[in-house]
Amino acid sequence: MSKISSKRNIYIKQNQVIAKRGDSMVCNCNYNKIKLLYKLSVLSAFVEKHAIRDAEKDSHPLCAEECKELKQDLERHIEKLRLAVEGLSREGKFG
């Protein structure tokens, strides 16, 4: 395994780039799934807590409806990512 970045603890193992996080090694694709899952969850919470409420408070029904659709889309993608991570983990392929 050869190190390719001194600042980020990034390694190459069998022609696959691996980012080291703590003591475990996670391949970029799986790391990206977790990062997307986290960021989409934060965005979904923001839409629910602020965007929908503010649009309704300001009497913008079209904006509120758009935000509700966005929230549904985000939740659908969050669920897909969650199932992917869960499936890989269950199969022992999350690494």
C-alpha atoms as a PDB file:
ATOM      1  CA  MET A   1       0.000   0.000   0.000  1.00  0.00           C
ATOM      2  CA  SER A   2       1.445   3.374  -0.938  1.00  0.00           C
ATOM      3  CA  LYS A   3       0.528   6.742   0.510  1.00  0.00           C
ATOM      4  CA  ILE A   4      -0.468   9.425  -2.004  1.00  0.00           C
ATOM      5  CA  SER A   5      -1.359  12.320   0.274  1.00  0.00           C
ATOM      6  CA  SER A   6       0.389  13.422   3.439  1.00  0.00           C
ATOM      7  CA  LYS A   7      -2.411  15.762   4.530  1.00  0.00           C
ATOM      8  CA  ARG A   8      -5.423  13.475   4.111  1.00  0.00           C
ATOM      9  CA  ASN A   9      -4.201   9.935   4.863  1.00  0.00           C
ATOM     10  CA  ILE A  10      -5.133   8.668   1.416  1.00  0.00           C
ATOM     11  CA  TYR A  11      -3.668   5.361   0.278  1.00  0.00           C
ATOM     12  CA  ILE A  12      -3.646   3.174  -2.826  1.00  0.00           C
ATOM     13  CA  LYS A  13      -4.337  -0.539  -2.347  1.00  0.00           C
ATOM     14  CA  GLN A  14      -4.481  -2.798  -5.413  1.00  0.00           C
ATOM     15  CA  ASN A  15      -5.182   0.169  -7.739  1.00  0.00           C
ATOM     16  CA  GLN A  16      -8.061   1.337  -5.523  1.00  0.00           C
ATOM     17  CA  VAL A  17      -7.880   4.670  -3.717  1.00  0.00           C
ATOM     18  CA  ILE A  18      -8.736   4.285  -0.050  1.00  0.00           C
ATOM     19  CA  ALA A  19      -9.295   7.087   2.463  1.00  0.00           C
ATOM     20  CA  LYS A  20      -8.236   6.200   5.987  1.00  0.00           C
ATOM     21  CA  ARG A  21     -10.650   7.361   8.674  1.00  0.00           C
ATOM     22  CA  GLY A  22      -9.395   6.603  12.171  1.00  0.00           C
ATOM     23  CA  ASP A  23      -8.311   2.977  12.398  1.00  0.00           C
ATOM     24  CA  SER A  24     -10.541   1.644   9.634  1.00  0.00           C
ATOM     25  CA  MET A  25     -10.119   1.923   5.894  1.00  0.00           C
ATOM     26  CA  VAL A  26     -13.159   2.878   3.821  1.00  0.00           C
ATOM     27  CA  CYS A  27     -13.104   2.906   0.026  1.00  0.00           C
ATOM     28  CA  ASN A  28     -14.095   6.167  -1.619  1.00  0.00           C
ATOM     29  CA  CYS A  29     -17.431   4.879  -2.918  1.00  0.00           C
ATOM     30  CA  ASN A  30     -18.614   3.747   0.520  1.00  0.00           C
ATOM     31  CA  TYR A  31     -17.258   6.891   2.172  1.00  0.00           C
ATOM     32  CA  ASN A  32     -19.171   8.963  -0.388  1.00  0.00           C
ATOM     33  CA  LYS A  33     -22.386   7.056   0.359  1.00  0.00           C
ATOM     34  CA  ILE A  34     -22.076   7.869   4.062  1.00  0.00           C
ATOM     35  CA  LYS A  35     -21.179  11.493   3.387  1.00  0.00           C
ATOM     36  CA  LEU A  36     -24.138  11.878   1.003  1.00  0.00           C
ATOM     37  CA  LEU A  37     -26.425  10.207   3.526  1.00  0.00           C
ATOM     38  CA  TYR A  38     -25.330  12.677   6.193  1.00  0.00           C
ATOM     39  CA  LYS A  39     -25.534  15.784   3.991  1.00  0.00           C
ATOM     40  CA  LEU A  40     -28.902  14.862   2.495  1.00  0.00           C
ATOM     41  CA  SER A  41     -30.252  14.222   6.000  1.00  0.00           C
ATOM     42  CA  VAL A  42     -29.094  17.672   7.114  1.00  0.00           C
ATOM     43  CA  LEU A  43     -30.679  19.258   4.028  1.00  0.00           C
ATOM     44  CA  SER A  44     -33.922  17.348   4.550  1.00  0.00           C
ATOM     45  CA  ALA A  45     -34.110  18.522   8.168  1.00  0.00           C
ATOM     46  CA  PHE A  46     -33.498  22.117   7.046  1.00  0.00           C
ATOM     47  CA  VAL A  47     -36.254  21.923   4.432  1.00  0.00           C
ATOM     48  CA  GLU A  48     -38.689  20.542   6.986  1.00  0.00           C
ATOM     49  CA  LYS A  49     -37.738  22.861   9.832  1.00  0.00           C
ATOM     50  CA  HIS A  50     -37.263  26.127   7.939  1.00  0.00           C
ATOM     51  CA  ALA A  51     -38.145  26.144   4.236  1.00  0.00           C
ATOM     52  CA  ILE A  52     -41.628  24.639   4.430  1.00  0.00           C
ATOM     53  CA  ARG A  53     -42.553  26.506   7.592  1.00  0.00           C
ATOM     54  CA  ASP A  54     -41.298  29.858   6.254  1.00  0.00           C
ATOM     55  CA  ALA A  55     -43.071  29.426   2.916  1.00  0.00           C
ATOM     56  CA  GLU A  56     -46.335  28.648   4.692  1.00  0.00           C
ATOM     57  CA  LYS A  57     -45.847  31.515   7.151  1.00  0.00           C
ATOM     58  CA  ASP A  58     -45.223  33.966   4.296  1.00  0.00           C
ATOM     59  CA  SER A  59     -48.289  32.685   2.395  1.00  0.00           C
ATOM     60  CA  HIS A  60     -46.358  31.219  -0.540  1.00  0.00           C
ATOM     61  CA  PRO A  61     -48.287  28.006  -1.248  1.00  0.00           C
ATOM     62  CA  LEU A  62     -46.363  27.179  -4.438  1.00  0.00           C
ATOM     63  CA  CYS A  63     -43.034  27.483  -2.616  1.00  0.00           C
ATOM     64  CA  ALA A  64     -44.365  25.359   0.247  1.00  0.00           C
ATOM     65  CA  GLU A  65     -45.514  22.696  -2.216  1.00  0.00           C
ATOM     66  CA  GLU A  66     -42.140  22.733  -3.998  1.00  0.00           C
ATOM     67  CA  CYS A  67     -40.349  22.336  -0.678  1.00  0.00           C
ATOM     68  CA  LYS A  68     -42.612  19.435   0.294  1.00  0.00           C
ATOM     69  CA  GLU A  69     -41.808  17.716  -3.007  1.00  0.00           C
ATOM     70  CA  LEU A  70     -38.110  18.345  -2.418  1.00  0.00           C
ATOM     71  CA  LYS A  71     -38.372  16.838   1.061  1.00  0.00           C
ATOM     72  CA  GLN A  72     -40.066  13.722  -0.368  1.00  0.00           C
ATOM     73  CA  ASP A  73     -37.362  13.368  -3.031  1.00  0.00           C
ATOM     74  CA  LEU A  74     -34.606  13.775  -0.452  1.00  0.00           C
ATOM     75  CA  GLU A  75     -36.213  11.182   1.818  1.00  0.00           C
ATOM     76  CA  ARG A  76     -36.462   8.740  -1.090  1.00  0.00           C
ATOM     77  CA  HIS A  77     -32.751   9.123  -1.876  1.00  0.00           C
ATOM     78  CA  ILE A  78     -31.807   8.945   1.806  1.00  0.00           C
ATOM     79  CA  GLU A  79     -33.652   5.633   2.068  1.00  0.00           C
ATOM     80  CA  LYS A  80     -31.891   4.249  -1.034  1.00  0.00           C
ATOM     81  CA  LEU A  81     -28.479   5.210   0.369  1.00  0.00           C
ATOM     82  CA  ARG A  82     -29.359   3.791   3.788  1.00  0.00           C
ATOM     83  CA  LEU A  83     -30.382   0.475   2.240  1.00  0.00           C
ATOM     84  CA  ALA A  84     -27.192   0.374   0.149  1.00  0.00           C
ATOM     85  CA  VAL A  85     -24.969   0.952   3.177  1.00  0.00           C
ATOM     86  CA  GLU A  86     -26.959  -1.521   5.260  1.00  0.00           C
ATOM     87  CA  GLY A  87     -26.805  -4.175   2.533  1.00  0.00           C
ATOM     88  CA  LEU A  88     -23.061  -3.807   2.005  1.00  0.00           C
ATOM     89  CA  SER A  89     -22.490  -3.924   5.737  1.00  0.00           C
ATOM     90  CA  ARG A  90     -24.607  -7.041   6.151  1.00  0.00           C
ATOM     91  CA  GLU A  91     -22.647  -8.760   3.342  1.00  0.00           C
ATOM     92  CA  GLY A  92     -19.326  -7.751   4.902  1.00  0.00           C
ATOM     93  CA  LYS A  93     -18.427  -5.671   1.842  1.00  0.00           C
ATOM     94  CA  PHE A  94     -18.432  -2.283   3.522  1.00  0.00           C
ATOM     95  CA  GLY A  95     -14.813  -1.351   3.647  1.00  0.00           C
END
